[in-house]
C-alpha atoms as a PDB file:
ATOM      1  CA  MET A   1       3.467  12.391  15.154  1.00  0.00           C
ATOM      2  CA  ALA A   2       5.978  13.863  12.763  1.00  0.00           C
ATOM      3  CA  LEU A   3       6.903  12.037   9.583  1.00  0.00           C
ATOM      4  CA  ASP A   4      10.319  10.350   9.802  1.00  0.00           C
ATOM      5  CA  ALA A   5      11.614   8.814   6.574  1.00  0.00           C
ATOM      6  CA  THR A   6      15.170   8.219   7.803  1.00  0.00           C
ATOM      7  CA  VAL A   7      16.280   4.980   6.151  1.00  0.00           C
ATOM      8  CA  GLY A   8      16.768   2.214   8.714  1.00  0.00           C
ATOM      9  CA  SER A   9      15.948   4.413  11.706  1.00  0.00           C
ATOM     10  CA  PRO A  10      14.327   2.908  14.808  1.00  0.00           C
ATOM     11  CA  ASN A  11      11.945   5.903  14.676  1.00  0.00           C
ATOM     12  CA  ALA A  12      11.096   5.825  10.954  1.00  0.00           C
ATOM     13  CA  ASN A  13       7.391   5.746  10.134  1.00  0.00           C
ATOM     14  CA  SER A  14       7.362   6.419   6.377  1.00  0.00           C
ATOM     15  CA  TYR A  15       9.219   5.241   3.298  1.00  0.00           C
ATOM     16  CA  ILE A  16       8.925   8.609   1.558  1.00  0.00           C
ATOM     17  CA  THR A  17       9.153  12.265   2.536  1.00  0.00           C
ATOM     18  CA  VAL A  18       6.526  14.868   1.679  1.00  0.00           C
ATOM     19  CA  SER A  19       9.099  16.501  -0.607  1.00  0.00           C
ATOM     20  CA  GLU A  20       9.678  13.229  -2.489  1.00  0.00           C
ATOM     21  CA  ALA A  21       5.914  12.681  -2.820  1.00  0.00           C
ATOM     22  CA  ASN A  22       5.435  16.232  -4.102  1.00  0.00           C
ATOM     23  CA  GLN A  23       8.166  15.655  -6.696  1.00  0.00           C
ATOM     24  CA  TYR A  24       6.603  12.322  -7.729  1.00  0.00           C
ATOM     25  CA  PHE A  25       3.171  13.912  -8.200  1.00  0.00           C
ATOM     26  CA  THR A  26       4.649  16.847 -10.147  1.00  0.00           C
ATOM     27  CA  ASN A  27       5.521  14.344 -12.882  1.00  0.00           C
ATOM     28  CA  ARG A  28       2.335  12.253 -12.646  1.00  0.00           C
ATOM     29  CA  ALA A  29      -0.877  12.945 -14.550  1.00  0.00           C
ATOM     30  CA  PHE A  30      -4.219  12.990 -12.705  1.00  0.00           C
ATOM     31  CA  SER A  31      -2.762  13.833  -9.293  1.00  0.00           C
ATOM     32  CA  ASP A  32      -4.140  17.364  -8.976  1.00  0.00           C
ATOM     33  CA  GLY A  33      -5.772  16.701  -5.589  1.00  0.00           C
ATOM     34  CA  TRP A  34      -2.461  15.999  -3.849  1.00  0.00           C
ATOM     35  CA  ASP A  35      -1.617  19.713  -3.542  1.00  0.00           C
ATOM     36  CA  GLU A  36      -4.850  20.417  -1.628  1.00  0.00           C
ATOM     37  CA  VAL A  37      -4.358  17.676   0.991  1.00  0.00           C
ATOM     38  CA  GLU A  38      -3.898  19.208   4.431  1.00  0.00           C
ATOM     39  CA  ASP A  39      -2.233  16.265   6.161  1.00  0.00           C
ATOM     40  CA  GLN A  40       0.090  14.777   3.560  1.00  0.00           C
ATOM     41  CA  PRO A  41       2.444  13.380   6.259  1.00  0.00           C
ATOM     42  CA  ALA A  42      -0.382  11.352   7.851  1.00  0.00           C
ATOM     43  CA  LEU A  43      -1.364   9.872   4.480  1.00  0.00           C
ATOM     44  CA  LEU A  44       2.242   8.888   3.735  1.00  0.00           C
ATOM     45  CA  ILE A  45       2.751   7.381   7.205  1.00  0.00           C
ATOM     46  CA  THR A  46      -0.488   5.392   6.932  1.00  0.00           C
ATOM     47  CA  ALA A  47       0.314   4.177   3.415  1.00  0.00           C
ATOM     48  CA  SER A  48       3.818   3.073   4.487  1.00  0.00           C
ATOM     49  CA  LYS A  49       2.449   1.163   7.457  1.00  0.00           C
ATOM     50  CA  GLN A  50      -0.260  -0.439   5.308  1.00  0.00           C
ATOM     51  CA  LEU A  51       2.372  -1.855   2.976  1.00  0.00           C
ATOM     52  CA  ASP A  52       4.230  -3.352   5.929  1.00  0.00           C
ATOM     53  CA  TRP A  53       0.976  -4.808   7.304  1.00  0.00           C
ATOM     54  CA  TYR A  54      -0.123  -6.476   4.065  1.00  0.00           C
ATOM     55  CA  ALA A  55       3.059  -7.277   2.121  1.00  0.00           C
ATOM     56  CA  THR A  56       5.313 -10.238   2.650  1.00  0.00           C
ATOM     57  CA  TRP A  57       8.558  -8.733   1.454  1.00  0.00           C
ATOM     58  CA  LYS A  58      11.427 -10.674  -0.054  1.00  0.00           C
ATOM     59  CA  GLY A  59      14.707 -10.817   1.854  1.00  0.00           C
ATOM     60  CA  ASN A  60      15.312  -9.846   5.467  1.00  0.00           C
ATOM     61  CA  LYS A  61      15.389  -6.612   7.427  1.00  0.00           C
ATOM     62  CA  ALA A  62      18.793  -4.961   7.107  1.00  0.00           C
ATOM     63  CA  THR A  63      19.045  -4.463  10.905  1.00  0.00           C
ATOM     64  CA  SER A  64      17.082  -5.576  13.943  1.00  0.00           C
ATOM     65  CA  GLU A  65      16.838  -1.972  15.180  1.00  0.00           C
ATOM     66  CA  GLN A  66      14.874  -0.538  12.238  1.00  0.00           C
ATOM     67  CA  SER A  67      11.185   0.148  12.820  1.00  0.00           C
ATOM     68  CA  MET A  68       9.986  -0.416   9.239  1.00  0.00           C
ATOM     69  CA  ASP A  69      10.391  -3.506   7.042  1.00  0.00           C
ATOM     70  CA  TRP A  70      12.703  -1.657   4.621  1.00  0.00           C
ATOM     71  CA  PRO A  71      15.622  -1.409   4.044  1.00  0.00           C
ATOM     72  CA  ARG A  72      16.170  -5.114   3.388  1.00  0.00           C
ATOM     73  CA  LYS A  73      19.069  -7.341   2.451  1.00  0.00           C
ATOM     74  CA  ASN A  74      19.175 -10.201  -0.036  1.00  0.00           C
ATOM     75  CA  VAL A  75      16.531  -8.697  -2.328  1.00  0.00           C
ATOM     76  CA  VAL A  76      16.841  -8.756  -6.100  1.00  0.00           C
ATOM     77  CA  ASP A  77      14.486  -6.538  -8.110  1.00  0.00           C
ATOM     78  CA  LYS A  78      12.444  -7.716 -11.094  1.00  0.00           C
ATOM     79  CA  SER A  79      15.329  -6.962 -13.466  1.00  0.00           C
ATOM     80  CA  GLY A  80      17.713  -9.168 -11.467  1.00  0.00           C
ATOM     81  CA  THR A  81      19.678  -6.356  -9.812  1.00  0.00           C
ATOM     82  CA  LEU A  82      20.624  -6.732  -6.138  1.00  0.00           C
ATOM     83  CA  ILE A  83      19.083  -3.878  -4.140  1.00  0.00           C
ATOM     84  CA  PRO A  84      21.581  -2.283  -1.723  1.00  0.00           C
ATOM     85  CA  SER A  85      20.627  -2.906   1.906  1.00  0.00           C
ATOM     86  CA  ASP A  86      20.838   0.776   2.829  1.00  0.00           C
ATOM     87  CA  ILE A  87      18.151   2.210   0.519  1.00  0.00           C
ATOM     88  CA  ILE A  88      14.406   2.209   0.017  1.00  0.00           C
ATOM     89  CA  PRO A  89      13.723   1.138  -3.587  1.00  0.00           C
ATOM     90  CA  THR A  90      12.025   3.653  -5.861  1.00  0.00           C
ATOM     91  CA  ALA A  91       9.183   1.173  -6.409  1.00  0.00           C
ATOM     92  CA  VAL A  92       8.399   1.144  -2.671  1.00  0.00           C
ATOM     93  CA  LYS A  93       8.376   4.955  -2.555  1.00  0.00           C
ATOM     94  CA  GLU A  94       6.130   5.134  -5.628  1.00  0.00           C
ATOM     95  CA  ALA A  95       3.789   2.518  -4.144  1.00  0.00           C
ATOM     96  CA  VAL A  96       3.473   4.581  -0.950  1.00  0.00           C
ATOM     97  CA  ALA A  97       2.706   7.735  -2.937  1.00  0.00           C
ATOM     98  CA  GLU A  98       0.099   5.943  -5.056  1.00  0.00           C
ATOM     99  CA  LEU A  99      -1.525   4.329  -2.023  1.00  0.00           C
ATOM    100  CA  ALA A 100      -1.663   7.705  -0.249  1.00  0.00           C
ATOM    101  CA  LEU A 101      -3.297   9.265  -3.329  1.00  0.00           C
ATOM    102  CA  SER A 102      -5.820   6.423  -3.594  1.00  0.00           C
ATOM    103  CA  SER A 103      -6.831   7.043   0.035  1.00  0.00           C
ATOM    104  CA  PHE A 104      -8.456  10.401  -0.793  1.00  0.00           C
ATOM    105  CA  ASP A 105     -11.852   8.808  -1.269  1.00  0.00           C
ATOM    106  CA  GLY A 106     -11.959   7.016   2.078  1.00  0.00           C
ATOM    107  CA  ASP A 107     -10.174   4.952   4.678  1.00  0.00           C
ATOM    108  CA  ARG A 108      -8.838   1.863   2.921  1.00  0.00           C
ATOM    109  CA  THR A 109      -8.062   0.276   6.298  1.00  0.00           C
ATOM    110  CA  ALA A 110     -11.723   0.349   7.390  1.00  0.00           C
ATOM    111  CA  ASP A 111     -13.884  -2.759   7.252  1.00  0.00           C
ATOM    112  CA  ASP A 112     -16.438  -2.995   4.449  1.00  0.00           C
ATOM    113  CA  ASP A 113     -19.813  -1.718   5.705  1.00  0.00           C
ATOM    114  CA  LEU A 114     -21.547  -4.608   3.938  1.00  0.00           C
ATOM    115  CA  ALA A 115     -19.145  -7.340   5.065  1.00  0.00           C
ATOM    116  CA  GLY A 116     -21.012 -10.513   5.944  1.00  0.00           C
ATOM    117  CA  LEU A 117     -24.251  -9.495   4.245  1.00  0.00           C
ATOM    118  CA  ALA A 118     -25.467 -11.205   1.108  1.00  0.00           C
ATOM    119  CA  MET A 119     -28.909  -9.576   0.976  1.00  0.00           C
ATOM    120  CA  VAL A 120     -31.071  -7.150   2.948  1.00  0.00           C
ATOM    121  CA  GLN A 121     -34.800  -6.896   2.261  1.00  0.00           C
ATOM    122  CA  ALA A 122     -37.397  -4.549   3.756  1.00  0.00           C
ATOM    123  CA  SER A 123     -40.846  -5.019   2.251  1.00  0.00           C
ATOM    124  CA  THR A 124     -40.336  -4.668  -1.510  1.00  0.00           C
ATOM    125  CA  LEU A 125     -36.925  -2.991  -1.281  1.00  0.00           C
ATOM    126  CA  LYS A 126     -34.133  -5.519  -1.693  1.00  0.00           C
ATOM    127  CA  VAL A 127     -30.384  -4.836  -1.657  1.00  0.00           C
ATOM    128  CA  GLN A 128     -28.048  -7.616  -2.677  1.00  0.00           C
ATOM    129  CA  THR A 129     -24.285  -7.315  -2.265  1.00  0.00           C
ATOM    130  CA  ASP A 130     -21.772  -8.660  -4.733  1.00  0.00           C
ATOM    131  CA  GLY A 131     -20.382 -11.034  -2.092  1.00  0.00           C
ATOM    132  CA  GLY A 132     -16.832  -9.697  -2.353  1.00  0.00           C
ATOM    133  CA  GLY A 133     -15.851 -12.172  -5.066  1.00  0.00           C
ATOM    134  CA  SER A 134     -13.490 -11.594  -7.960  1.00  0.00           C
ATOM    135  CA  THR A 135     -15.977  -9.160  -9.519  1.00  0.00           C
ATOM    136  CA  SER A 136     -16.437  -7.210  -6.271  1.00  0.00           C
ATOM    137  CA  THR A 137     -16.829  -3.445  -6.488  1.00  0.00           C
ATOM    138  CA  ALA A 138     -15.611  -2.922  -2.914  1.00  0.00           C
ATOM    139  CA  LYS A 139     -12.367  -0.960  -2.547  1.00  0.00           C
ATOM    140  CA  LYS A 140      -9.385  -3.185  -1.926  1.00  0.00           C
ATOM    141  CA  THR A 141      -7.188  -2.268   1.024  1.00  0.00           C
ATOM    142  CA  ILE A 142      -4.202  -2.367  -1.319  1.00  0.00           C
ATOM    143  CA  PRO A 143      -5.250  -1.778  -4.953  1.00  0.00           C
ATOM    144  CA  ASP A 144      -3.940  -4.084  -7.677  1.00  0.00           C
ATOM    145  CA  LYS A 145      -1.911  -1.246  -9.230  1.00  0.00           C
ATOM    146  CA  ILE A 146       0.153  -1.049  -6.017  1.00  0.00           C
ATOM    147  CA  TRP A 147       0.969  -4.774  -6.153  1.00  0.00           C
ATOM    148  CA  LYS A 148       2.033  -4.307  -9.792  1.00  0.00           C
ATOM    149  CA  ILE A 149       4.422  -1.512  -8.801  1.00  0.00           C
ATOM    150  CA  LEU A 150       5.914  -3.846  -6.166  1.00  0.00           C
ATOM    151  CA  THR A 151       6.402  -6.781  -8.560  1.00  0.00           C
ATOM    152  CA  GLY A 152       9.607  -8.582  -7.669  1.00  0.00           C
ATOM    153  CA  LEU A 153       9.808  -7.135  -4.144  1.00  0.00           C
ATOM    154  CA  VAL A 154       7.025  -9.133  -2.519  1.00  0.00           C
ATOM    155  CA  ILE A 155       6.631 -12.868  -2.053  1.00  0.00           C
ATOM    156  CA  ARG A 156       2.904 -12.531  -1.793  1.00  0.00           C
ATOM    157  CA  SER A 157       0.340  -9.951  -0.817  1.00  0.00           C
ATOM    158  CA  GLY A 158      -2.071 -10.206   2.067  1.00  0.00           C
ATOM    159  CA  GLY A 159      -4.913 -11.022  -0.314  1.00  0.00           C
ATOM    160  CA  VAL A 160      -6.995 -14.071  -1.077  1.00  0.00           C
ATOM    161  CA  VAL A 161      -5.618 -16.930  -3.134  1.00  0.00           C
ATOM    162  CA  ARG A 162      -8.160 -18.821  -5.201  1.00  0.00           C
ATOM    163  CA  LEU A 163      -7.439 -22.418  -6.103  1.00  0.00           C
ATOM    164  CA  MET A 164      -9.090 -24.063  -9.061  1.00  0.00           C
ATOM    165  CA  ARG A 165      -9.273 -27.748  -9.751  1.00  0.00           C
ATOM    166  CA  ALA A 166      -8.105 -28.784 -13.196  1.00  0.00           C
END
């Protein structure tokens, strides 16, 4: 499938073009690997879809015909500025680029191989997982840095909320 980043299109499948991602990474340190990626469009499409799967965006879709969650209407960014309902905010494009880059080391959409296991023991060899708690070393589907980029645009992420009793 070809990448389509046409804003508001019923056929759109990405929030950012390869050209826009290339420009973003030209000005970003520690992004050397991006130039060697063979299927940049697939990474950008997957990253865009992941954001739509896991984010609960503020506002409403601009039209009922659009395939992606953006553009949106009635959304104010973190500085209090109303975002026009015919654009994809820069923060969303940057989040897609960053998520695509962070996918180099493996499929972030895949289930954790150790999910559901607390400990495995064979004779004297014992492997204990971290349990996926707040100190987990497992890769998050959407890294925290992506949620920080999207501050003000999302109501909540698709993550876990921990409640503590006072």
